[in-house]
């Protein structure tokens, strides 16, 4: 990890005219204003002596380039803020243009689009779109990558633009990952890492790239590598004082632990995440952390603690009426009711969640809820309901987003139900397979011997 504090060698390079004054402005602004309160406090106290020492080492007086950079700092800050204000209208205008080729042509020919603000917003929109529409996320990231190649190197600084390019490739990789194209995602994340090596060493940029690489490693079932990368991310955020972002990284770490069948280890990680996340910055992230904590506690049979967390989170769930949030609430309510042996409530919640996922064509989640419902029926000796559920599943999931190998696993569930040989371990094994196969269509289900 690069040093997270100011590198006075950068100032010496500026005084020798080796880098753009704008790059010095960018680094100072990014670091002093956004990253490091410690350096911001020390700037006033130590800058005069440090700069004098730098000047002596370089055997020059303060260069015109560096003086110009300092003079331009307030103006550059205003420029960046203006770019951010103007970006939403420009991106909306770009989105109204039909066809990626035409959009790229506008980026190449229209100078008003050629700002860091537009590029930054395209990347952020790609991040937001990845969960609901990975194809759109990929398009936005591709446009950002195209645009960064047309930004003024002297104005922004070559190393800064490499950081921006690294983010573009990383979020393009994320869109590919969410679309289950892990091979292309690997190539894109490699491009991001190469750009990162040429970048300015911004620790927060590095943290974003490593975090997205960790998500890819998790989907590739390379759990040890994913956790190692996330530990690096967590260290970066902790050392730069970004506790909220540290909390976000801890949520991802806990999710990886659950996927690697280490749910017990995930619980303290999630509790730490909940304590760090700032709800003023991202209430949905806090809800995500609490939801994952509830699910993990239920996985470990700690239903009383899960009940307490769910009661504390009710108001948070109400803030998000979208179907994703509400269906997951119904699902976890069903899990809790099943754990508390409230059969009717559990059945009602599972059926409601299943129908909602089917209506929104989220086949994998519908399949997983169906398996929870089948397990509930099996536990209560309701074999007729298990068979009825099995009869319904296959025709539905053939038409949903469940790939062929996953449908084959569901067919095994159906045959076992019809032959009355279905067991809880069979259902749990198929559910574990589906969670993995969602991101790896080539992964085949192997029936236990």
Protein backbone atom coordinates (compact mmCIF):
# COMPACT_ATOMS: atom_id res chain seq x y z
CA UNK A 1 0.00 0.00 0.00
CA UNK A 2 1.38 3.47 -0.82
CA UNK A 3 2.05 5.94 1.98
CA UNK A 4 -1.24 7.60 2.76
CA UNK A 5 0.36 10.93 3.75
CA UNK A 6 1.88 13.69 1.66
CA UNK A 7 5.05 12.87 -0.22
CA UNK A 8 7.32 15.92 -0.25
CA UNK A 9 9.18 14.37 -3.17
CA UNK A 10 6.13 15.33 -5.22
CA UNK A 11 6.78 18.97 -4.39
CA UNK A 12 10.44 18.71 -5.41
CA UNK A 13 9.36 17.17 -8.75
CA UNK A 14 6.95 20.06 -9.27
CA UNK A 15 9.66 22.65 -8.60
CA UNK A 16 11.91 20.98 -11.15
CA UNK A 17 9.09 21.24 -13.69
CA UNK A 18 8.82 17.45 -14.01
CA UNK A 19 5.05 17.33 -13.49
CA UNK A 20 2.11 19.57 -14.25
CA UNK A 21 1.21 22.26 -11.70
CA UNK A 22 -2.37 21.09 -12.13
CA UNK A 23 -1.33 17.66 -10.88
CA UNK A 24 0.11 19.23 -7.74
CA UNK A 25 -3.16 21.10 -7.25
CA UNK A 26 -5.11 17.89 -7.70
CA UNK A 27 -2.97 15.98 -5.21
CA UNK A 28 -3.06 18.76 -2.62
CA UNK A 29 -6.79 19.27 -2.99
CA UNK A 30 -7.59 15.57 -2.89
CA UNK A 31 -5.36 14.89 0.07
CA UNK A 32 -5.73 17.96 2.25
CA UNK A 33 -9.42 18.53 1.73
CA UNK A 34 -10.83 15.03 1.29
CA UNK A 35 -8.46 12.39 2.62
CA UNK A 36 -6.35 13.24 5.61
CA UNK A 37 -7.29 15.49 8.53
CA UNK A 38 -3.87 14.86 10.06
CA UNK A 39 -2.03 16.27 7.07
CA UNK A 40 -4.50 19.13 6.79
CA UNK A 41 -3.65 20.16 10.38
CA UNK A 42 0.07 19.78 9.82
CA UNK A 43 0.08 21.67 6.55
CA UNK A 44 -0.03 25.10 8.14
CA UNK A 45 2.49 24.16 10.82
CA UNK A 46 5.11 22.44 8.70
CA UNK A 47 4.78 23.52 5.08
CA UNK A 48 7.14 26.52 5.26
CA UNK A 49 10.05 24.58 6.72
CA UNK A 50 9.43 21.51 4.58
CA UNK A 51 9.27 23.52 1.39
CA UNK A 52 12.45 25.37 2.32
CA UNK A 53 14.21 22.05 2.81
CA UNK A 54 12.86 20.82 -0.49
CA UNK A 55 14.08 23.94 -2.23
CA UNK A 56 17.55 23.54 -0.74
CA UNK A 57 17.71 19.92 -1.82
CA UNK A 58 16.73 20.88 -5.33
CA UNK A 59 19.13 23.88 -5.24
CA UNK A 60 16.46 26.13 -6.66
CA UNK A 61 14.16 28.80 -5.34
CA UNK A 62 10.46 28.07 -5.31
CA UNK A 63 9.72 27.49 -8.93
CA UNK A 64 7.13 29.43 -10.85
CA UNK A 65 5.37 26.13 -11.48
CA UNK A 66 4.85 25.41 -7.81
CA UNK A 67 3.93 28.99 -6.93
CA UNK A 68 1.41 28.87 -9.74
CA UNK A 69 -0.01 25.60 -8.42
CA UNK A 70 -0.56 27.06 -4.98
CA UNK A 71 -2.09 30.21 -6.42
CA UNK A 72 -4.46 28.12 -8.52
CA UNK A 73 -5.58 25.80 -5.71
CA UNK A 74 -8.77 27.74 -4.81
CA UNK A 75 -9.58 28.29 -8.48
CA UNK A 76 -9.05 24.62 -9.30
CA UNK A 77 -11.31 23.64 -6.43
CA UNK A 78 -14.02 25.87 -7.92
CA UNK A 79 -13.41 24.30 -11.36
CA UNK A 80 -13.86 20.77 -10.02
CA UNK A 81 -17.01 21.73 -8.16
CA UNK A 82 -18.38 23.35 -11.32
CA UNK A 83 -17.62 20.21 -13.32
CA UNK A 84 -19.51 18.13 -10.80
CA UNK A 85 -22.51 20.49 -10.91
CA UNK A 86 -22.63 20.41 -14.70
CA UNK A 87 -22.09 16.67 -15.06
CA UNK A 88 -25.66 15.40 -14.32
CA UNK A 89 -27.24 17.41 -17.14
CA UNK A 90 -24.49 16.37 -19.57
CA UNK A 91 -24.77 12.68 -18.66
CA UNK A 92 -28.57 12.83 -18.97
CA UNK A 93 -28.18 14.42 -22.38
CA UNK A 94 -25.70 11.72 -23.38
CA UNK A 95 -28.07 8.99 -22.18
CA UNK A 96 -30.82 10.33 -24.43
CA UNK A 97 -28.68 9.60 -27.50
CA UNK A 98 -29.50 6.23 -29.07
CA UNK A 99 -26.59 3.86 -29.64
CA UNK A 100 -23.20 3.46 -27.99
CA UNK A 101 -21.32 4.39 -31.17
CA UNK A 102 -23.14 7.72 -31.38
CA UNK A 103 -22.49 8.38 -27.71
CA UNK A 104 -18.77 7.73 -28.19
CA UNK A 105 -18.76 10.04 -31.20
CA UNK A 106 -20.16 12.84 -29.06
CA UNK A 107 -17.53 12.22 -26.40
CA UNK A 108 -14.84 12.49 -29.06
CA UNK A 109 -16.16 15.58 -30.84
CA UNK A 110 -17.96 17.67 -28.20
CA UNK A 111 -15.53 19.35 -25.80
CA UNK A 112 -18.25 20.14 -23.27
CA UNK A 113 -18.40 16.43 -22.38
CA UNK A 114 -14.64 16.22 -21.92
CA UNK A 115 -14.43 16.92 -18.20
CA UNK A 116 -13.42 14.89 -15.20
CA UNK A 117 -16.86 15.63 -13.71
CA UNK A 118 -18.65 13.76 -16.51
CA UNK A 119 -16.19 10.88 -16.33
CA UNK A 120 -16.54 10.61 -12.56
CA UNK A 121 -20.34 10.60 -12.77
CA UNK A 122 -20.35 7.88 -15.45
CA UNK A 123 -18.24 5.70 -13.15
CA UNK A 124 -20.51 6.35 -10.18
CA UNK A 125 -23.61 5.60 -12.25
CA UNK A 126 -21.98 2.35 -13.36
CA UNK A 127 -21.45 1.43 -9.72
CA UNK A 128 -25.10 2.14 -8.90
CA UNK A 129 -26.46 0.27 -11.94
CA UNK A 130 -24.45 -2.92 -11.47
CA UNK A 131 -26.91 -4.68 -9.17
CA UNK A 132 -30.11 -4.05 -11.12
CA UNK A 133 -28.81 -3.86 -14.70
CA UNK A 134 -25.25 -5.13 -15.29
CA UNK A 135 -25.48 -4.43 -19.04
CA UNK A 136 -26.14 -0.73 -18.39
CA UNK A 137 -23.33 -0.74 -15.83
CA UNK A 138 -20.92 -2.06 -18.46
CA UNK A 139 -22.01 0.56 -20.99
CA UNK A 140 -21.49 3.43 -18.54
CA UNK A 141 -18.05 2.16 -17.58
CA UNK A 142 -17.06 1.77 -21.25
CA UNK A 143 -18.11 5.35 -21.92
CA UNK A 144 -16.01 6.51 -18.96
CA UNK A 145 -13.00 4.60 -20.29
CA UNK A 146 -13.48 6.15 -23.73
CA UNK A 147 -13.82 9.61 -22.21
CA UNK A 148 -10.76 9.47 -19.98
CA UNK A 149 -8.60 9.07 -23.09
CA UNK A 150 -9.88 12.43 -24.31
CA UNK A 151 -9.30 14.44 -21.14
CA UNK A 152 -6.59 17.10 -21.07
CA UNK A 153 -3.46 15.47 -19.67
CA UNK A 154 -1.81 18.77 -18.81
CA UNK A 155 -4.89 20.05 -17.05
CA UNK A 156 -5.60 16.98 -14.93
CA UNK A 157 -2.23 15.22 -14.78
CA UNK A 158 -1.29 11.94 -16.45
CA UNK A 159 -1.09 9.92 -13.24
CA UNK A 160 -4.48 11.22 -12.06
CA UNK A 161 -6.06 10.16 -15.36
CA UNK A 162 -4.56 6.69 -14.95
CA UNK A 163 -6.33 6.48 -11.60
CA UNK A 164 -9.59 7.45 -13.30
CA UNK A 165 -8.95 4.89 -16.05
CA UNK A 166 -8.28 2.24 -13.39
CA UNK A 167 -11.67 2.95 -11.83
CA UNK A 168 -13.36 2.76 -15.23
CA UNK A 169 -11.88 -0.68 -15.93
CA UNK A 170 -12.64 -1.87 -12.39
CA UNK A 171 -16.32 -0.92 -12.62
CA UNK A 172 -16.53 -2.41 -16.10
CA UNK A 173 -15.21 -5.61 -14.53
CA UNK A 174 -17.86 -5.31 -11.85
CA UNK A 175 -20.63 -5.09 -14.44
CA UNK A 176 -19.26 -8.18 -16.17
CA UNK A 177 -19.05 -10.02 -12.86
CA UNK A 178 -22.67 -9.20 -12.05
CA UNK A 179 -23.59 -10.61 -15.47
CA UNK A 180 -21.66 -13.81 -14.57
CA UNK A 181 -19.01 -13.21 -17.26
CA UNK A 182 -16.10 -14.01 -14.96
CA UNK A 183 -13.52 -14.57 -17.70
CA UNK A 184 -14.00 -11.12 -19.26
CA UNK A 185 -14.21 -9.61 -15.77
CA UNK A 186 -10.78 -11.04 -14.97
CA UNK A 187 -9.29 -9.39 -18.05
CA UNK A 188 -10.90 -6.06 -17.16
CA UNK A 189 -9.64 -6.13 -13.57
CA UNK A 190 -6.14 -6.87 -14.89
CA UNK A 191 -6.37 -3.70 -17.00
CA UNK A 192 -7.48 -1.79 -13.93
CA UNK A 193 -4.47 -3.00 -11.95
CA UNK A 194 -2.08 -2.02 -14.76
CA UNK A 195 -3.54 1.50 -14.84
CA UNK A 196 -3.32 1.64 -11.07
CA UNK A 197 0.42 0.99 -11.25
CA UNK A 198 0.78 4.07 -13.48
CA UNK A 199 -1.48 6.20 -11.31
CA UNK A 200 -0.85 8.79 -8.62
CA UNK A 201 -0.94 6.30 -5.76
CA UNK A 202 -4.21 7.62 -4.36
CA UNK A 203 -5.02 5.17 -1.56
CA UNK A 204 -8.77 5.57 -1.95
CA UNK A 205 -8.59 4.70 -5.65
CA UNK A 206 -6.50 1.66 -4.81
CA UNK A 207 -9.03 0.62 -2.18
CA UNK A 208 -11.90 0.75 -4.69
CA UNK A 209 -10.05 -1.35 -7.25
CA UNK A 210 -8.93 -3.93 -4.68
CA UNK A 211 -12.45 -4.13 -3.28
CA UNK A 212 -13.92 -4.88 -6.71
CA UNK A 213 -11.17 -7.41 -7.36
CA UNK A 214 -12.08 -9.06 -4.05
CA UNK A 215 -15.72 -9.37 -5.18
CA UNK A 216 -14.54 -11.08 -8.34
CA UNK A 217 -12.32 -13.46 -6.36
CA UNK A 218 -15.28 -14.31 -4.14
CA UNK A 219 -17.47 -15.18 -7.13
CA UNK A 220 -14.58 -17.27 -8.48
CA UNK A 221 -14.68 -19.13 -5.13
CA UNK A 222 -11.10 -18.00 -4.41
CA UNK A 223 -12.05 -17.04 -0.88
CA UNK A 224 -8.58 -16.77 0.64
CA UNK A 225 -7.49 -14.29 -2.04
CA UNK A 226 -10.71 -12.32 -1.64
CA UNK A 227 -10.23 -11.99 2.11
CA UNK A 228 -6.58 -10.99 1.69
CA UNK A 229 -7.57 -8.20 -0.70
CA UNK A 230 -10.33 -7.00 1.62
CA UNK A 231 -7.91 -6.91 4.53
CA UNK A 232 -5.75 -4.56 2.43
CA UNK A 233 -8.81 -2.42 1.69
CA UNK A 234 -9.77 -2.28 5.36
CA UNK A 235 -6.23 -1.22 6.30
CA UNK A 236 -6.29 1.59 3.73
CA UNK A 237 -9.59 2.95 5.00
CA UNK A 238 -8.53 2.69 8.61
CA UNK A 239 -5.24 4.50 8.01
CA UNK A 240 -6.91 7.29 6.04
CA UNK A 241 -9.60 7.76 8.66
CA UNK A 242 -12.41 6.57 6.35
CA UNK A 243 -14.31 4.61 8.99
CA UNK A 244 -17.57 4.57 7.02
CA UNK A 245 -15.81 2.99 4.04
CA UNK A 246 -14.07 0.57 6.38
CA UNK A 247 -17.54 -0.48 7.49
CA UNK A 248 -18.56 -1.06 3.88
CA UNK A 249 -15.49 -3.25 3.32
CA UNK A 250 -16.30 -5.22 6.46
CA UNK A 251 -19.78 -5.98 5.07
CA UNK A 252 -18.14 -7.49 2.00
CA UNK A 253 -15.68 -9.42 4.16
CA UNK A 254 -18.53 -10.88 6.18
CA UNK A 255 -20.42 -11.86 3.03
CA UNK A 256 -17.34 -13.72 1.81
CA UNK A 257 -17.05 -15.52 5.13
CA UNK A 258 -20.68 -16.65 4.85
CA UNK A 259 -20.10 -17.87 1.30
CA UNK A 260 -17.06 -19.80 2.52
CA UNK A 261 -19.22 -21.45 5.20
CA UNK A 262 -17.66 -19.45 8.05
CA UNK A 263 -20.85 -17.82 9.30
CA UNK A 264 -19.70 -17.82 12.92
CA UNK A 265 -16.67 -15.68 12.01
CA UNK A 266 -18.88 -13.28 10.05
CA UNK A 267 -20.98 -12.23 13.05
CA UNK A 268 -18.37 -10.07 14.87
CA UNK A 269 -17.28 -8.61 11.53
CA UNK A 270 -20.85 -7.50 10.81
CA UNK A 271 -21.29 -6.07 14.30
CA UNK A 272 -18.14 -4.01 13.76
CA UNK A 273 -19.45 -2.87 10.36
CA UNK A 274 -22.75 -1.71 11.87
CA UNK A 275 -20.84 0.35 14.44
CA UNK A 276 -18.76 2.11 11.74
CA UNK A 277 -21.27 2.83 8.97
CA UNK A 278 -22.51 6.42 8.99
CA UNK A 279 -26.27 6.39 8.26
CA UNK A 280 -26.07 10.01 7.10
CA UNK A 281 -23.84 8.88 4.23
CA UNK A 282 -25.59 5.65 3.26
CA UNK A 283 -28.66 4.38 5.08
CA UNK A 284 -29.05 1.51 2.61
CA UNK A 285 -25.55 0.24 3.40
CA UNK A 286 -26.40 0.21 7.11
CA UNK A 287 -29.59 -1.70 6.35
CA UNK A 288 -27.59 -4.16 4.22
CA UNK A 289 -25.18 -4.76 7.11
CA UNK A 290 -28.02 -5.32 9.57
CA UNK A 291 -29.90 -7.58 7.14
CA UNK A 292 -26.79 -9.70 6.63
CA UNK A 293 -26.28 -9.86 10.39
CA UNK A 294 -29.87 -11.10 10.85
CA UNK A 295 -29.40 -13.77 8.16
CA UNK A 296 -26.08 -14.88 9.63
CA UNK A 297 -27.50 -15.15 13.14
CA UNK A 298 -30.33 -17.30 11.76
CA UNK A 299 -27.79 -19.48 9.93
CA UNK A 300 -26.16 -20.12 13.30
CA UNK A 301 -29.44 -20.87 15.06
CA UNK A 302 -29.35 -17.67 17.12
CA UNK A 303 -32.97 -16.72 16.51
CA UNK A 304 -33.43 -14.60 19.67
CA UNK A 305 -30.57 -12.30 18.63
CA UNK A 306 -31.90 -12.24 15.07
CA UNK A 307 -35.34 -11.22 16.37
CA UNK A 308 -33.79 -8.33 18.33
CA UNK A 309 -31.87 -7.10 15.28
CA UNK A 310 -34.95 -7.35 13.06
CA UNK A 311 -37.03 -5.32 15.50
CA UNK A 312 -34.31 -2.64 15.58
CA UNK A 313 -34.26 -2.53 11.77
CA UNK A 314 -37.99 -2.20 11.05
CA UNK A 315 -37.87 1.54 10.45
CA UNK A 316 -34.87 1.11 8.14
CA UNK A 317 -36.73 -1.42 6.01
CA UNK A 318 -39.69 0.96 5.73
CA UNK A 319 -37.44 3.61 4.19
CA UNK A 320 -36.94 1.42 1.09
CA UNK A 321 -40.22 0.33 -0.52
CA UNK A 322 -38.49 -1.15 -3.60
CA UNK A 323 -39.25 -4.77 -4.34
CA UNK A 324 -35.67 -5.95 -3.67
CA UNK A 325 -35.72 -4.71 -0.09
CA UNK A 326 -39.28 -5.68 0.73
CA UNK A 327 -39.00 -9.19 -0.72
CA UNK A 328 -35.82 -9.83 1.22
CA UNK A 329 -37.58 -8.61 4.34
CA UNK A 330 -40.42 -11.07 3.74
CA UNK A 331 -37.88 -13.83 3.13
CA UNK A 332 -35.98 -13.19 6.37
CA UNK A 333 -39.27 -12.91 8.26
CA UNK A 334 -40.09 -16.38 6.96
CA UNK A 335 -36.71 -17.72 8.13
CA UNK A 336 -37.23 -16.24 11.57
CA UNK A 337 -40.79 -17.57 11.83
CA UNK A 338 -39.55 -21.03 10.84
CA UNK A 339 -36.83 -20.87 13.48
CA UNK A 340 -39.45 -19.86 16.06
CA UNK A 341 -41.72 -22.72 14.90
CA UNK A 342 -44.49 -20.41 13.72
CA UNK A 343 -45.52 -22.52 10.75
CA UNK A 344 -48.35 -20.38 9.36
CA UNK A 345 -46.33 -17.17 9.51
CA UNK A 346 -43.29 -18.83 7.93
CA UNK A 347 -45.39 -20.34 5.12
CA UNK A 348 -47.11 -17.01 4.41
CA UNK A 349 -43.82 -15.10 4.29
CA UNK A 350 -42.08 -17.66 2.06
CA UNK A 351 -45.02 -17.85 -0.37
CA UNK A 352 -45.22 -14.05 -0.56
CA UNK A 353 -41.48 -13.69 -1.18
CA UNK A 354 -41.48 -16.50 -3.76
CA UNK A 355 -44.36 -14.99 -5.74
CA UNK A 356 -42.69 -11.59 -5.66
CA UNK A 357 -39.41 -12.90 -6.99
CA UNK A 358 -41.20 -14.82 -9.73
CA UNK A 359 -43.21 -11.71 -10.71
CA UNK A 360 -39.97 -9.77 -11.05
CA UNK A 361 -38.23 -12.65 -12.89
CA UNK A 362 -35.56 -13.19 -10.24
CA UNK A 363 -35.37 -16.91 -10.76
CA UNK A 364 -32.52 -17.83 -8.43
CA UNK A 365 -33.99 -16.14 -5.39
CA UNK A 366 -37.40 -17.64 -6.20
CA UNK A 367 -35.76 -21.07 -6.34
CA UNK A 368 -33.97 -20.55 -3.02
CA UNK A 369 -37.15 -19.38 -1.27
CA UNK A 370 -38.94 -22.42 -2.74
CA UNK A 371 -36.33 -24.66 -1.16
CA UNK A 372 -36.82 -22.92 2.21
CA UNK A 373 -40.55 -23.52 1.82
CA UNK A 374 -39.95 -27.18 0.93
CA UNK A 375 -37.75 -27.58 4.01
CA UNK A 376 -40.53 -26.07 6.15
CA UNK A 377 -43.08 -28.52 4.73
CA UNK A 378 -40.71 -31.45 5.15
CA UNK A 379 -39.98 -30.56 8.79
CA UNK A 380 -43.73 -30.55 9.52
CA UNK A 381 -44.47 -33.77 7.66
CA UNK A 382 -46.43 -31.99 4.92
CA UNK A 383 -45.34 -34.32 2.10
CA UNK A 384 -48.32 -33.51 -0.10
CA UNK A 385 -47.33 -29.83 -0.10
CA UNK A 386 -43.72 -30.76 -0.91
CA UNK A 387 -44.87 -32.74 -3.96
CA UNK A 388 -47.20 -29.93 -5.07
CA UNK A 389 -44.37 -27.43 -4.76
CA UNK A 390 -42.05 -29.69 -6.76
CA UNK A 391 -44.66 -29.99 -9.51
CA UNK A 392 -44.85 -26.20 -9.79
CA UNK A 393 -41.14 -25.47 -9.80
CA UNK A 394 -39.73 -26.84 -13.03
CA UNK A 395 -42.10 -25.25 -15.57
CA UNK A 396 -41.64 -21.88 -13.87
CA UNK A 397 -37.85 -21.98 -13.61
CA UNK A 398 -37.42 -23.11 -17.20
CA UNK A 399 -38.84 -19.70 -18.13
CA UNK A 400 -36.83 -17.72 -15.54
CA UNK A 401 -33.15 -16.72 -15.39
CA UNK A 402 -32.06 -20.09 -14.01
CA UNK A 403 -29.48 -21.73 -16.29
CA UNK A 404 -29.56 -25.33 -17.47
CA UNK A 405 -27.24 -26.83 -14.84
CA UNK A 406 -29.28 -25.22 -12.05
CA UNK A 407 -32.51 -26.51 -13.54
CA UNK A 408 -30.93 -29.98 -13.54
CA UNK A 409 -30.34 -29.65 -9.79
CA UNK A 410 -33.96 -28.61 -9.29
CA UNK A 411 -35.01 -31.64 -11.32
CA UNK A 412 -33.19 -33.84 -8.80
CA UNK A 413 -35.16 -32.10 -6.05
CA UNK A 414 -38.38 -32.78 -7.95
CA UNK A 415 -37.64 -36.49 -8.47
CA UNK A 416 -36.72 -36.93 -4.80
CA UNK A 417 -39.96 -35.25 -3.77
CA UNK A 418 -42.04 -37.47 -6.05
CA UNK A 419 -40.34 -40.60 -4.74
CA UNK A 420 -40.73 -39.41 -1.14
CA UNK A 421 -36.97 -39.80 -0.62
CA UNK A 422 -36.30 -36.09 -0.12
CA UNK A 423 -34.24 -35.19 2.96
CA UNK A 424 -33.29 -31.93 4.64
CA UNK A 425 -29.63 -32.47 3.70
CA UNK A 426 -30.61 -32.86 0.02
CA UNK A 427 -32.50 -29.56 0.10
CA UNK A 428 -29.66 -27.77 1.89
CA UNK A 429 -27.12 -29.18 -0.58
CA UNK A 430 -29.12 -27.99 -3.59
CA UNK A 431 -29.56 -24.55 -2.00
CA UNK A 432 -25.79 -24.27 -1.42
CA UNK A 433 -25.21 -25.28 -5.03
CA UNK A 434 -27.64 -22.65 -6.36
CA UNK A 435 -25.94 -19.88 -4.38
CA UNK A 436 -22.64 -20.78 -6.04
CA UNK A 437 -24.02 -21.55 -9.51
CA UNK A 438 -25.69 -18.15 -9.74
CA UNK A 439 -22.31 -16.62 -10.65
CA UNK A 440 -20.82 -19.66 -12.35
CA UNK A 441 -23.12 -21.19 -15.00
CA UNK A 442 -20.51 -23.86 -15.77
CA UNK A 443 -20.59 -25.25 -12.23
CA UNK A 444 -22.39 -28.60 -12.14
CA UNK A 445 -24.37 -30.04 -9.28
CA UNK A 446 -22.97 -33.27 -7.91
CA UNK A 447 -25.46 -35.44 -6.11
CA UNK A 448 -24.10 -36.71 -2.76
CA UNK A 449 -23.19 -40.36 -2.89
